[in-house]
Amino acid sequence: PNLNCNAEQVFYETDVVNTIDLNSELPAAPITTVEQCCQACQVSRMCNVYTFCNSPYGCGTGCPAQYDEDFGPYRECQGGKWSSWQCSLKYYNGTGRPNLVEVGELQPWISGFLSWKNMTFE
């Protein structure tokens, strides 16, 4: 696979989220870096966009309790925030960039896209 992860300090929102938090599926958090999250996306058949929470304190503020059922058995929302080191695997089937929800150095999300998986951003 191509190792170019196209990582940026942004949060990409897509219509299809295949795995809300890859770490919630396993008893030990195997993904602790954005590079590992990118690699997980590379080997997933239905992933061409990934988002990683690059903070030990969690990310964002929009993780209400009803989302807990979307996580695997080993993780949940972290006090209203999304879990630290959360690795979300997503699929984008549009043209142009996915919706940017958060952008800039002051927010902890890092997202990237795999252009070699049939993605073209204009």
PDB file of N, CA and C in Angstrom:
ATOM      1  N   PRO A   1       0.812  -1.210   0.000  1.00  0.00           N
ATOM      2  CA  PRO A   1       0.000   0.000   0.000  1.00  0.00           C
ATOM      3  C   PRO A   1       0.848   1.263   0.000  1.00  0.00           C
ATOM      4  N   ASN A   2       0.285   2.302  -0.530  1.00  0.00           N
ATOM      5  CA  ASN A   2       0.924   3.605  -0.543  1.00  0.00           C
ATOM      6  C   ASN A   2       0.970   4.144   0.883  1.00  0.00           C
ATOM      7  N   LEU A   3       2.119   4.610   1.329  1.00  0.00           N
ATOM      8  CA  LEU A   3       2.250   5.085   2.702  1.00  0.00           C
ATOM      9  C   LEU A   3       1.887   6.559   2.846  1.00  0.00           C
ATOM     10  N   ASN A   4       1.470   7.239   1.779  1.00  0.00           N
ATOM     11  CA  ASN A   4       1.088   8.641   1.873  1.00  0.00           C
ATOM     12  C   ASN A   4      -0.293   8.749   2.502  1.00  0.00           C
ATOM     13  N   CYS A   5      -0.341   9.242   3.732  1.00  0.00           N
ATOM     14  CA  CYS A   5      -1.589   9.298   4.490  1.00  0.00           C
ATOM     15  C   CYS A   5      -2.342  10.610   4.319  1.00  0.00           C
ATOM     16  N   ASN A   6      -1.711  11.622   3.708  1.00  0.00           N
ATOM     17  CA  ASN A   6      -2.346  12.929   3.503  1.00  0.00           C
ATOM     18  C   ASN A   6      -2.963  13.468   4.791  1.00  0.00           C
ATOM     19  N   ALA A   7      -2.275  13.314   5.909  1.00  0.00           N
ATOM     20  CA  ALA A   7      -2.814  13.734   7.208  1.00  0.00           C
ATOM     21  C   ALA A   7      -2.777  15.249   7.358  1.00  0.00           C
ATOM     22  N   GLU A   8      -3.884  15.785   7.877  1.00  0.00           N
ATOM     23  CA  GLU A   8      -4.003  17.215   8.162  1.00  0.00           C
ATOM     24  C   GLU A   8      -4.686  17.379   9.512  1.00  0.00           C
ATOM     25  N   GLN A   9      -4.480  18.503  10.155  1.00  0.00           N
ATOM     26  CA  GLN A   9      -5.127  18.759  11.433  1.00  0.00           C
ATOM     27  C   GLN A   9      -6.533  19.302  11.178  1.00  0.00           C
ATOM     28  N   VAL A  10      -7.408  18.376  10.755  1.00  0.00           N
ATOM     29  CA  VAL A  10      -8.807  18.676  10.436  1.00  0.00           C
ATOM     30  C   VAL A  10      -9.665  17.488  10.859  1.00  0.00           C
ATOM     31  N   PHE A  11     -10.983  17.700  10.887  1.00  0.00           N
ATOM     32  CA  PHE A  11     -11.926  16.607  11.103  1.00  0.00           C
ATOM     33  C   PHE A  11     -12.783  16.509   9.863  1.00  0.00           C
ATOM     34  N   TYR A  12     -12.642  15.413   9.103  1.00  0.00           N
ATOM     35  CA  TYR A  12     -13.475  15.174   7.929  1.00  0.00           C
ATOM     36  C   TYR A  12     -14.727  14.418   8.347  1.00  0.00           C
ATOM     37  N   GLU A  13     -15.882  14.931   7.928  1.00  0.00           N
ATOM     38  CA  GLU A  13     -17.147  14.245   8.153  1.00  0.00           C
ATOM     39  C   GLU A  13     -17.570  13.598   6.840  1.00  0.00           C
ATOM     40  N   THR A  14     -17.970  12.332   6.919  1.00  0.00           N
ATOM     41  CA  THR A  14     -18.436  11.618   5.725  1.00  0.00           C
ATOM     42  C   THR A  14     -19.789  10.993   6.025  1.00  0.00           C
ATOM     43  N   ASP A  15     -20.508  10.606   4.971  1.00  0.00           N
ATOM     44  CA  ASP A  15     -21.812   9.969   5.146  1.00  0.00           C
ATOM     45  C   ASP A  15     -21.699   8.549   5.677  1.00  0.00           C
ATOM     46  N   VAL A  16     -20.595   7.871   5.369  1.00  0.00           N
ATOM     47  CA  VAL A  16     -20.434   6.475   5.764  1.00  0.00           C
ATOM     48  C   VAL A  16     -19.284   6.358   6.759  1.00  0.00           C
ATOM     49  N   VAL A  17     -19.606   5.914   7.966  1.00  0.00           N
ATOM     50  CA  VAL A  17     -18.585   5.620   8.973  1.00  0.00           C
ATOM     51  C   VAL A  17     -18.639   4.109   9.201  1.00  0.00           C
ATOM     52  N   ASN A  18     -17.621   3.416   8.746  1.00  0.00           N
ATOM     53  CA  ASN A  18     -17.607   1.962   8.852  1.00  0.00           C
ATOM     54  C   ASN A  18     -17.268   1.492  10.259  1.00  0.00           C
ATOM     55  N   THR A  19     -16.348   2.158  10.906  1.00  0.00           N
ATOM     56  CA  THR A  19     -15.939   1.801  12.261  1.00  0.00           C
ATOM     57  C   THR A  19     -15.813   3.094  13.047  1.00  0.00           C
ATOM     58  N   ILE A  20     -16.672   3.287  14.054  1.00  0.00           N
ATOM     59  CA  ILE A  20     -16.635   4.534  14.811  1.00  0.00           C
ATOM     60  C   ILE A  20     -15.359   4.633  15.643  1.00  0.00           C
ATOM     61  N   ASP A  21     -14.881   3.514  16.178  1.00  0.00           N
ATOM     62  CA  ASP A  21     -13.626   3.506  16.920  1.00  0.00           C
ATOM     63  C   ASP A  21     -13.018   2.112  16.856  1.00  0.00           C
ATOM     64  N   LEU A  22     -12.004   1.966  16.037  1.00  0.00           N
ATOM     65  CA  LEU A  22     -11.354   0.672  15.869  1.00  0.00           C
ATOM     66  C   LEU A  22     -10.841   0.122  17.198  1.00  0.00           C
ATOM     67  N   ASN A  23     -10.354   0.998  18.075  1.00  0.00           N
ATOM     68  CA  ASN A  23      -9.844   0.550  19.375  1.00  0.00           C
ATOM     69  C   ASN A  23     -10.930  -0.051  20.257  1.00  0.00           C
ATOM     70  N   SER A  24     -12.186   0.299  20.039  1.00  0.00           N
ATOM     71  CA  SER A  24     -13.262  -0.222  20.885  1.00  0.00           C
ATOM     72  C   SER A  24     -13.570  -1.682  20.581  1.00  0.00           C
ATOM     73  N   GLU A  25     -13.036  -2.197  19.487  1.00  0.00           N
ATOM     74  CA  GLU A  25     -13.300  -3.580  19.087  1.00  0.00           C
ATOM     75  C   GLU A  25     -12.341  -4.580  19.734  1.00  0.00           C
ATOM     76  N   LEU A  26     -11.245  -4.093  20.320  1.00  0.00           N
ATOM     77  CA  LEU A  26     -10.214  -4.973  20.857  1.00  0.00           C
ATOM     78  C   LEU A  26      -9.939  -4.648  22.327  1.00  0.00           C
ATOM     79  N   PRO A  27      -9.536  -5.635  23.135  1.00  0.00           N
ATOM     80  CA  PRO A  27      -9.343  -5.389  24.569  1.00  0.00           C
ATOM     81  C   PRO A  27      -8.193  -4.440  24.889  1.00  0.00           C
ATOM     82  N   ALA A  28      -7.174  -4.390  24.084  1.00  0.00           N
ATOM     83  CA  ALA A  28      -6.072  -3.446  24.290  1.00  0.00           C
ATOM     84  C   ALA A  28      -6.076  -2.478  23.118  1.00  0.00           C
ATOM     85  N   ALA A  29      -5.836  -1.205  23.396  1.00  0.00           N
ATOM     86  CA  ALA A  29      -5.848  -0.200  22.332  1.00  0.00           C
ATOM     87  C   ALA A  29      -4.643  -0.394  21.415  1.00  0.00           C
ATOM     88  N   PRO A  30      -4.834  -0.996  20.241  1.00  0.00           N
ATOM     89  CA  PRO A  30      -3.701  -1.246  19.357  1.00  0.00           C
ATOM     90  C   PRO A  30      -3.280  -0.018  18.562  1.00  0.00           C
ATOM     91  N   ILE A  31      -4.158   0.970  18.488  1.00  0.00           N
ATOM     92  CA  ILE A  31      -3.867   2.146  17.668  1.00  0.00           C
ATOM     93  C   ILE A  31      -3.664   3.345  18.573  1.00  0.00           C
ATOM     94  N   THR A  32      -2.440   3.843  18.581  1.00  0.00           N
ATOM     95  CA  THR A  32      -2.121   4.980  19.442  1.00  0.00           C
ATOM     96  C   THR A  32      -1.483   6.130  18.672  1.00  0.00           C
ATOM     97  N   THR A  33      -1.361   5.983  17.343  1.00  0.00           N
ATOM     98  CA  THR A  33      -0.787   7.053  16.525  1.00  0.00           C
ATOM     99  C   THR A  33      -1.626   7.235  15.264  1.00  0.00           C
ATOM    100  N   VAL A  34      -1.520   8.399  14.674  1.00  0.00           N
ATOM    101  CA  VAL A  34      -2.242   8.672  13.428  1.00  0.00           C
ATOM    102  C   VAL A  34      -1.718   7.768  12.308  1.00  0.00           C
ATOM    103  N   GLU A  35      -0.439   7.442  12.339  1.00  0.00           N
ATOM    104  CA  GLU A  35       0.125   6.565  11.319  1.00  0.00           C
ATOM    105  C   GLU A  35      -0.513   5.182  11.376  1.00  0.00           C
ATOM    106  N   GLN A  36      -0.723   4.658  12.587  1.00  0.00           N
ATOM    107  CA  GLN A  36      -1.362   3.357  12.740  1.00  0.00           C
ATOM    108  C   GLN A  36      -2.815   3.399  12.265  1.00  0.00           C
ATOM    109  N   CYS A  37      -3.495   4.504  12.508  1.00  0.00           N
ATOM    110  CA  CYS A  37      -4.874   4.658  12.042  1.00  0.00           C
ATOM    111  C   CYS A  37      -4.899   4.676  10.516  1.00  0.00           C
ATOM    112  N   CYS A  38      -3.968   5.378   9.908  1.00  0.00           N
ATOM    113  CA  CYS A  38      -3.867   5.411   8.454  1.00  0.00           C
ATOM    114  C   CYS A  38      -3.620   4.011   7.907  1.00  0.00           C
ATOM    115  N   GLN A  39      -2.728   3.268   8.530  1.00  0.00           N
ATOM    116  CA  GLN A  39      -2.439   1.900   8.076  1.00  0.00           C
ATOM    117  C   GLN A  39      -3.675   1.009   8.183  1.00  0.00           C
ATOM    118  N   ALA A  40      -4.464   1.192   9.237  1.00  0.00           N
ATOM    119  CA  ALA A  40      -5.704   0.417   9.381  1.00  0.00           C
ATOM    120  C   ALA A  40      -6.671   0.746   8.246  1.00  0.00           C
ATOM    121  N   CYS A  41      -6.727   2.008   7.858  1.00  0.00           N
ATOM    122  CA  CYS A  41      -7.585   2.411   6.740  1.00  0.00           C
ATOM    123  C   CYS A  41      -7.075   1.800   5.434  1.00  0.00           C
ATOM    124  N   GLN A  42      -5.766   1.765   5.277  1.00  0.00           N
ATOM    125  CA  GLN A  42      -5.185   1.218   4.050  1.00  0.00           C
ATOM    126  C   GLN A  42      -5.577  -0.236   3.819  1.00  0.00           C
ATOM    127  N   VAL A  43      -5.682  -1.012   4.884  1.00  0.00           N
ATOM    128  CA  VAL A  43      -5.977  -2.437   4.711  1.00  0.00           C
ATOM    129  C   VAL A  43      -7.474  -2.745   4.795  1.00  0.00           C
ATOM    130  N   SER A  44      -8.285  -1.743   5.117  1.00  0.00           N
ATOM    131  CA  SER A  44      -9.733  -1.934   5.175  1.00  0.00           C
ATOM    132  C   SER A  44     -10.329  -1.723   3.782  1.00  0.00           C
ATOM    133  N   ARG A  45     -11.143  -2.656   3.351  1.00  0.00           N
ATOM    134  CA  ARG A  45     -11.719  -2.592   2.004  1.00  0.00           C
ATOM    135  C   ARG A  45     -12.588  -1.353   1.803  1.00  0.00           C
ATOM    136  N   MET A  46     -13.352  -0.962   2.808  1.00  0.00           N
ATOM    137  CA  MET A  46     -14.279   0.164   2.663  1.00  0.00           C
ATOM    138  C   MET A  46     -13.811   1.376   3.467  1.00  0.00           C
ATOM    139  N   CYS A  47     -12.554   1.742   3.296  1.00  0.00           N
ATOM    140  CA  CYS A  47     -12.046   2.939   3.967  1.00  0.00           C
ATOM    141  C   CYS A  47     -11.165   3.714   3.004  1.00  0.00           C
ATOM    142  N   ASN A  48     -11.461   4.996   2.867  1.00  0.00           N
ATOM    143  CA  ASN A  48     -10.568   5.877   2.123  1.00  0.00           C
ATOM    144  C   ASN A  48     -10.383   7.219   2.847  1.00  0.00           C
ATOM    145  N   VAL A  49     -11.031   7.354   4.003  1.00  0.00           N
ATOM    146  CA  VAL A  49     -10.871   8.519   4.867  1.00  0.00           C
ATOM    147  C   VAL A  49     -10.787   8.004   6.299  1.00  0.00           C
ATOM    148  N   TYR A  50      -9.884   8.568   7.078  1.00  0.00           N
ATOM    149  CA  TYR A  50      -9.776   8.174   8.484  1.00  0.00           C
ATOM    150  C   TYR A  50      -9.702   9.438   9.337  1.00  0.00           C
ATOM    151  N   THR A  51     -10.113   9.304  10.582  1.00  0.00           N
ATOM    152  CA  THR A  51     -10.028  10.409  11.542  1.00  0.00           C
ATOM    153  C   THR A  51      -9.493   9.848  12.844  1.00  0.00           C
ATOM    154  N   PHE A  52      -8.525  10.541  13.422  1.00  0.00           N
ATOM    155  CA  PHE A  52      -7.853  10.085  14.628  1.00  0.00           C
ATOM    156  C   PHE A  52      -7.901  11.175  15.690  1.00  0.00           C
ATOM    157  N   CYS A  53      -8.276  10.813  16.919  1.00  0.00           N
ATOM    158  CA  CYS A  53      -8.270  11.756  18.047  1.00  0.00           C
ATOM    159  C   CYS A  53      -6.872  11.753  18.650  1.00  0.00           C
ATOM    160  N   ASN A  54      -6.135  12.803  18.423  1.00  0.00           N
ATOM    161  CA  ASN A  54      -4.735  12.895  18.841  1.00  0.00           C
ATOM    162  C   ASN A  54      -4.602  13.581  20.197  1.00  0.00           C
ATOM    163  N   SER A  55      -5.371  13.122  21.181  1.00  0.00           N
ATOM    164  CA  SER A  55      -5.321  13.731  22.511  1.00  0.00           C
ATOM    165  C   SER A  55      -5.604  12.687  23.582  1.00  0.00           C
ATOM    166  N   PRO A  56      -4.849  12.694  24.670  1.00  0.00           N
ATOM    167  CA  PRO A  56      -5.130  11.760  25.766  1.00  0.00           C
ATOM    168  C   PRO A  56      -6.383  12.151  26.549  1.00  0.00           C
ATOM    169  N   TYR A  57      -6.935  13.334  26.283  1.00  0.00           N
ATOM    170  CA  TYR A  57      -8.092  13.837  27.028  1.00  0.00           C
ATOM    171  C   TYR A  57      -9.406  13.709  26.260  1.00  0.00           C
ATOM    172  N   GLY A  58      -9.373  13.085  25.082  1.00  0.00           N
ATOM    173  CA  GLY A  58     -10.569  12.988  24.258  1.00  0.00           C
ATOM    174  C   GLY A  58     -10.655  14.163  23.296  1.00  0.00           C
ATOM    175  N   CYS A  59     -11.639  14.106  22.393  1.00  0.00           N
ATOM    176  CA  CYS A  59     -11.770  15.130  21.353  1.00  0.00           C
ATOM    177  C   CYS A  59     -13.216  15.581  21.212  1.00  0.00           C
ATOM    178  N   GLY A  60     -13.378  16.827  20.818  1.00  0.00           N
ATOM    179  CA  GLY A  60     -14.699  17.364  20.528  1.00  0.00           C
ATOM    180  C   GLY A  60     -15.606  17.368  21.747  1.00  0.00           C
ATOM    181  N   THR A  61     -16.872  17.650  21.507  1.00  0.00           N
ATOM    182  CA  THR A  61     -17.841  17.695  22.601  1.00  0.00           C
ATOM    183  C   THR A  61     -19.145  17.014  22.239  1.00  0.00           C
ATOM    184  N   GLY A  62     -19.214  16.358  21.086  1.00  0.00           N
ATOM    185  CA  GLY A  62     -20.492  15.832  20.630  1.00  0.00           C
ATOM    186  C   GLY A  62     -20.672  14.346  20.771  1.00  0.00           C
ATOM    187  N   CYS A  63     -20.237  13.743  21.863  1.00  0.00           N
ATOM    188  CA  CYS A  63     -20.368  12.297  22.034  1.00  0.00           C
ATOM    189  C   CYS A  63     -21.412  12.004  23.111  1.00  0.00           C
ATOM    190  N   PRO A  64     -22.689  12.066  22.755  1.00  0.00           N
ATOM    191  CA  PRO A  64     -23.739  11.790  23.739  1.00  0.00           C
ATOM    192  C   PRO A  64     -23.836  10.298  24.043  1.00  0.00           C
ATOM    193  N   ALA A  65     -24.478   9.967  25.132  1.00  0.00           N
ATOM    194  CA  ALA A  65     -24.560   8.583  25.602  1.00  0.00           C
ATOM    195  C   ALA A  65     -25.137   7.641  24.558  1.00  0.00           C
ATOM    196  N   GLN A  66     -26.043   8.110  23.696  1.00  0.00           N
ATOM    197  CA  GLN A  66     -26.628   7.185  22.722  1.00  0.00           C
ATOM    198  C   GLN A  66     -25.589   6.649  21.738  1.00  0.00           C
ATOM    199  N   TYR A  67     -24.440   7.317  21.610  1.00  0.00           N
ATOM    200  CA  TYR A  67     -23.397   6.806  20.737  1.00  0.00           C
ATOM    201  C   TYR A  67     -22.641   5.648  21.365  1.00  0.00           C
ATOM    202  N   ASP A  68     -22.744   5.468  22.662  1.00  0.00           N
ATOM    203  CA  ASP A  68     -22.033   4.380  23.325  1.00  0.00           C
ATOM    204  C   ASP A  68     -22.362   3.030  22.707  1.00  0.00           C
ATOM    205  N   GLU A  69     -23.587   2.850  22.220  1.00  0.00           N
ATOM    206  CA  GLU A  69     -23.960   1.568  21.617  1.00  0.00           C
ATOM    207  C   GLU A  69     -23.255   1.341  20.286  1.00  0.00           C
ATOM    208  N   ASP A  70     -22.727   2.399  19.659  1.00  0.00           N
ATOM    209  CA  ASP A  70     -22.011   2.256  18.397  1.00  0.00           C
ATOM    210  C   ASP A  70     -20.569   1.805  18.596  1.00  0.00           C
ATOM    211  N   PHE A  71     -20.065   1.971  19.802  1.00  0.00           N
ATOM    212  CA  PHE A  71     -18.710   1.540  20.101  1.00  0.00           C
ATOM    213  C   PHE A  71     -18.695   0.039  20.337  1.00  0.00           C
ATOM    214  N   GLY A  72     -17.522  -0.569  20.217  1.00  0.00           N
ATOM    215  CA  GLY A  72     -17.359  -1.962  20.591  1.00  0.00           C
ATOM    216  C   GLY A  72     -17.391  -2.080  22.109  1.00  0.00           C
ATOM    217  N   PRO A  73     -17.196  -3.270  22.653  1.00  0.00           N
ATOM    218  CA  PRO A  73     -17.346  -3.498  24.091  1.00  0.00           C
ATOM    219  C   PRO A  73     -16.241  -2.905  24.962  1.00  0.00           C
ATOM    220  N   TYR A  74     -15.181  -2.381  24.363  1.00  0.00           N
ATOM    221  CA  TYR A  74     -14.035  -1.964  25.171  1.00  0.00           C
ATOM    222  C   TYR A  74     -13.855  -0.454  25.307  1.00  0.00           C
ATOM    223  N   ARG A  75     -14.739   0.352  24.729  1.00  0.00           N
ATOM    224  CA  ARG A  75     -14.596   1.811  24.836  1.00  0.00           C
ATOM    225  C   ARG A  75     -15.977   2.451  24.866  1.00  0.00           C
ATOM    226  N   GLU A  76     -16.012   3.714  25.242  1.00  0.00           N
ATOM    227  CA  GLU A  76     -17.248   4.493  25.235  1.00  0.00           C
ATOM    228  C   GLU A  76     -16.884   5.965  25.202  1.00  0.00           C
ATOM    229  N   CYS A  77     -17.897   6.830  25.197  1.00  0.00           N
ATOM    230  CA  CYS A  77     -17.636   8.264  25.249  1.00  0.00           C
ATOM    231  C   CYS A  77     -16.834   8.576  26.518  1.00  0.00           C
ATOM    232  N   GLN A  78     -16.054   9.613  26.441  1.00  0.00           N
ATOM    233  CA  GLN A  78     -15.155   9.992  27.522  1.00  0.00           C
ATOM    234  C   GLN A  78     -15.641  11.328  28.106  1.00  0.00           C
ATOM    235  N   GLY A  79     -16.634  11.265  28.994  1.00  0.00           N
ATOM    236  CA  GLY A  79     -17.160  12.481  29.599  1.00  0.00           C
ATOM    237  C   GLY A  79     -17.725  13.465  28.596  1.00  0.00           C
ATOM    238  N   GLY A  80     -18.494  12.990  27.622  1.00  0.00           N
ATOM    239  CA  GLY A  80     -19.073  13.865  26.606  1.00  0.00           C
ATOM    240  C   GLY A  80     -18.164  14.097  25.415  1.00  0.00           C
ATOM    241  N   LYS A  81     -16.901  13.690  25.532  1.00  0.00           N
ATOM    242  CA  LYS A  81     -15.958  13.815  24.423  1.00  0.00           C
ATOM    243  C   LYS A  81     -15.801  12.464  23.748  1.00  0.00           C
ATOM    244  N   TRP A  82     -15.317  12.483  22.509  1.00  0.00           N
ATOM    245  CA  TRP A  82     -14.974  11.247  21.815  1.00  0.00           C
ATOM    246  C   TRP A  82     -13.706  10.706  22.441  1.00  0.00           C
ATOM    247  N   SER A  83     -13.529   9.407  22.443  1.00  0.00           N
ATOM    248  CA  SER A  83     -12.428   8.746  23.143  1.00  0.00           C
ATOM    249  C   SER A  83     -11.053   9.165  22.643  1.00  0.00           C
ATOM    250  N   SER A  84     -10.106   9.222  23.571  1.00  0.00           N
ATOM    251  CA  SER A  84      -8.720   9.490  23.196  1.00  0.00           C
ATOM    252  C   SER A  84      -8.212   8.372  22.302  1.00  0.00           C
ATOM    253  N   TRP A  85      -7.385   8.719  21.352  1.00  0.00           N
ATOM    254  CA  TRP A  85      -6.791   7.804  20.369  1.00  0.00           C
ATOM    255  C   TRP A  85      -7.861   7.105  19.514  1.00  0.00           C
ATOM    256  N   GLN A  86      -9.043   7.676  19.443  1.00  0.00           N
ATOM    257  CA  GLN A  86     -10.108   7.095  18.616  1.00  0.00           C
ATOM    258  C   GLN A  86      -9.688   7.100  17.155  1.00  0.00           C
ATOM    259  N   CYS A  87      -9.847   5.961  16.501  1.00  0.00           N
ATOM    260  CA  CYS A  87      -9.525   5.815  15.081  1.00  0.00           C
ATOM    261  C   CYS A  87     -10.802   5.433  14.348  1.00  0.00           C
ATOM    262  N   SER A  88     -11.365   6.369  13.604  1.00  0.00           N
ATOM    263  CA  SER A  88     -12.585   6.118  12.835  1.00  0.00           C
ATOM    264  C   SER A  88     -12.232   5.855  11.384  1.00  0.00           C
ATOM    265  N   LEU A  89     -12.785   4.776  10.845  1.00  0.00           N
ATOM    266  CA  LEU A  89     -12.563   4.417   9.450  1.00  0.00           C
ATOM    267  C   LEU A  89     -13.817   4.769   8.659  1.00  0.00           C
ATOM    268  N   LYS A  90     -13.635   5.556   7.602  1.00  0.00           N
ATOM    269  CA  LYS A  90     -14.771   6.116   6.874  1.00  0.00           C
ATOM    270  C   LYS A  90     -14.629   5.863   5.375  1.00  0.00           C
ATOM    271  N   TYR A  91     -15.750   6.044   4.682  1.00  0.00           N
ATOM    272  CA  TYR A  91     -15.733   5.938   3.226  1.00  0.00           C
ATOM    273  C   TYR A  91     -16.411   7.167   2.647  1.00  0.00           C
ATOM    274  N   TYR A  92     -15.767   7.785   1.665  1.00  0.00           N
ATOM    275  CA  TYR A  92     -16.298   8.971   1.008  1.00  0.00           C
ATOM    276  C   TYR A  92     -16.446   8.668  -0.478  1.00  0.00           C
ATOM    277  N   ASN A  93     -17.649   8.870  -1.000  1.00  0.00           N
ATOM    278  CA  ASN A  93     -17.930   8.564  -2.397  1.00  0.00           C
ATOM    279  C   ASN A  93     -18.392   9.819  -3.129  1.00  0.00           C
ATOM    280  N   GLY A  94     -17.854  10.956  -2.744  1.00  0.00           N
ATOM    281  CA  GLY A  94     -18.278  12.209  -3.359  1.00  0.00           C
ATOM    282  C   GLY A  94     -17.178  12.820  -4.195  1.00  0.00           C
ATOM    283  N   THR A  95     -17.436  14.031  -4.653  1.00  0.00           N
ATOM    284  CA  THR A  95     -16.419  14.796  -5.356  1.00  0.00           C
ATOM    285  C   THR A  95     -16.068  15.993  -4.502  1.00  0.00           C
ATOM    286  N   GLY A  96     -14.888  16.483  -4.652  1.00  0.00           N
ATOM    287  CA  GLY A  96     -14.418  17.546  -3.780  1.00  0.00           C
ATOM    288  C   GLY A  96     -14.087  16.990  -2.411  1.00  0.00           C
ATOM    289  N   ARG A  97     -13.754  17.857  -1.515  1.00  0.00           N
ATOM    290  CA  ARG A  97     -13.390  17.422  -0.157  1.00  0.00           C
ATOM    291  C   ARG A  97     -14.627  17.064   0.658  1.00  0.00           C
ATOM    292  N   PRO A  98     -14.486  16.106   1.585  1.00  0.00           N
ATOM    293  CA  PRO A  98     -15.580  15.875   2.536  1.00  0.00           C
ATOM    294  C   PRO A  98     -15.784  17.130   3.386  1.00  0.00           C
ATOM    295  N   ASN A  99     -16.903  17.193   4.069  1.00  0.00           N
ATOM    296  CA  ASN A  99     -17.224  18.326   4.919  1.00  0.00           C
ATOM    297  C   ASN A  99     -16.185  18.467   6.032  1.00  0.00           C
ATOM    298  N   LEU A 100     -15.614  19.652   6.160  1.00  0.00           N
ATOM    299  CA  LEU A 100     -14.664  19.940   7.232  1.00  0.00           C
ATOM    300  C   LEU A 100     -15.439  20.473   8.423  1.00  0.00           C
ATOM    301  N   VAL A 101     -15.428  19.731   9.526  1.00  0.00           N
ATOM    302  CA  VAL A 101     -16.172  20.142  10.712  1.00  0.00           C
ATOM    303  C   VAL A 101     -15.294  20.990  11.627  1.00  0.00           C
ATOM    304  N   GLU A 102     -14.066  20.562  11.828  1.00  0.00           N
ATOM    305  CA  GLU A 102     -13.134  21.307  12.669  1.00  0.00           C
ATOM    306  C   GLU A 102     -11.814  21.403  11.928  1.00  0.00           C
ATOM    307  N   VAL A 103     -11.192  22.583  11.972  1.00  0.00           N
ATOM    308  CA  VAL A 103      -9.946  22.820  11.258  1.00  0.00           C
ATOM    309  C   VAL A 103      -9.017  23.621  12.158  1.00  0.00           C
ATOM    310  N   GLY A 104      -7.729  23.335  12.097  1.00  0.00           N
ATOM    311  CA  GLY A 104      -6.745  24.185  12.742  1.00  0.00           C
ATOM    312  C   GLY A 104      -5.984  23.532  13.875  1.00  0.00           C
ATOM    313  N   GLU A 105      -4.945  24.218  14.297  1.00  0.00           N
ATOM    314  CA  GLU A 105      -4.016  23.703  15.288  1.00  0.00           C
ATOM    315  C   GLU A 105      -4.616  23.564  16.681  1.00  0.00           C
ATOM    316  N   LEU A 106      -5.674  24.287  16.990  1.00  0.00           N
ATOM    317  CA  LEU A 106      -6.224  24.271  18.341  1.00  0.00           C
ATOM    318  C   LEU A 106      -7.174  23.104  18.595  1.00  0.00           C
ATOM    319  N   GLN A 107      -7.527  22.361  17.570  1.00  0.00           N
ATOM    320  CA  GLN A 107      -8.387  21.205  17.765  1.00  0.00           C
ATOM    321  C   GLN A 107      -7.539  19.944  17.566  1.00  0.00           C
ATOM    322  N   PRO A 108      -7.843  18.846  18.286  1.00  0.00           N
ATOM    323  CA  PRO A 108      -6.944  17.692  18.307  1.00  0.00           C
ATOM    324  C   PRO A 108      -7.169  16.636  17.218  1.00  0.00           C
ATOM    325  N   TRP A 109      -8.199  16.778  16.385  1.00  0.00           N
ATOM    326  CA  TRP A 109      -8.462  15.763  15.364  1.00  0.00           C
ATOM    327  C   TRP A 109      -7.437  15.825  14.247  1.00  0.00           C
ATOM    328  N   ILE A 110      -7.051  14.645  13.746  1.00  0.00           N
ATOM    329  CA  ILE A 110      -6.232  14.558  12.544  1.00  0.00           C
ATOM    330  C   ILE A 110      -6.959  13.619  11.593  1.00  0.00           C
ATOM    331  N   SER A 111      -7.176  14.086  10.376  1.00  0.00           N
ATOM    332  CA  SER A 111      -7.846  13.269   9.364  1.00  0.00           C
ATOM    333  C   SER A 111      -6.960  13.182   8.129  1.00  0.00           C
ATOM    334  N   GLY A 112      -7.215  12.161   7.358  1.00  0.00           N
ATOM    335  CA  GLY A 112      -6.488  12.002   6.115  1.00  0.00           C
ATOM    336  C   GLY A 112      -7.318  11.226   5.115  1.00  0.00           C
ATOM    337  N   PHE A 113      -6.852  11.201   3.888  1.00  0.00           N
ATOM    338  CA  PHE A 113      -7.545  10.479   2.834  1.00  0.00           C
ATOM    339  C   PHE A 113      -6.513   9.707   2.032  1.00  0.00           C
ATOM    340  N   LEU A 114      -6.957   8.619   1.466  1.00  0.00           N
ATOM    341  CA  LEU A 114      -6.084   7.757   0.676  1.00  0.00           C
ATOM    342  C   LEU A 114      -6.426   7.961  -0.796  1.00  0.00           C
ATOM    343  N   SER A 115      -5.720   8.853  -1.445  1.00  0.00           N
ATOM    344  CA  SER A 115      -6.034   9.209  -2.829  1.00  0.00           C
ATOM    345  C   SER A 115      -5.843   8.034  -3.772  1.00  0.00           C
ATOM    346  N   TRP A 116      -5.005   7.101  -3.430  1.00  0.00           N
ATOM    347  CA  TRP A 116      -4.782   5.942  -4.296  1.00  0.00           C
ATOM    348  C   TRP A 116      -5.940   4.952  -4.240  1.00  0.00           C
ATOM    349  N   LYS A 117      -6.901   5.178  -3.345  1.00  0.00           N
ATOM    350  CA  LYS A 117      -8.089   4.331  -3.287  1.00  0.00           C
ATOM    351  C   LYS A 117      -9.249   5.023  -4.021  1.00  0.00           C
ATOM    352  N   ASN A 118      -8.989   5.447  -5.230  1.00  0.00           N
ATOM    353  CA  ASN A 118     -10.004   6.039  -6.106  1.00  0.00           C
ATOM    354  C   ASN A 118     -10.662   7.290  -5.529  1.00  0.00           C
ATOM    355  N   MET A 119      -9.863   8.140  -4.911  1.00  0.00           N
ATOM    356  CA  MET A 119     -10.391   9.401  -4.392  1.00  0.00           C
ATOM    357  C   MET A 119      -9.745  10.548  -5.148  1.00  0.00           C
ATOM    358  N   THR A 120     -10.531  11.511  -5.526  1.00  0.00           N
ATOM    359  CA  THR A 120      -9.998  12.721  -6.113  1.00  0.00           C
ATOM    360  C   THR A 120     -10.668  13.913  -5.452  1.00  0.00           C
ATOM    361  N   PHE A 121      -9.878  14.755  -4.851  1.00  0.00           N
ATOM    362  CA  PHE A 121     -10.392  15.981  -4.241  1.00  0.00           C
ATOM    363  C   PHE A 121     -10.060  17.128  -5.193  1.00  0.00           C
ATOM    364  N   GLU A 122     -11.025  17.996  -5.369  1.00  0.00           N
ATOM    365  CA  GLU A 122     -10.793  19.151  -6.248  1.00  0.00           C
ATOM    366  C   GLU A 122     -10.528  20.382  -5.426  1.00  0.00           C
TER     367      GLU A 122
END
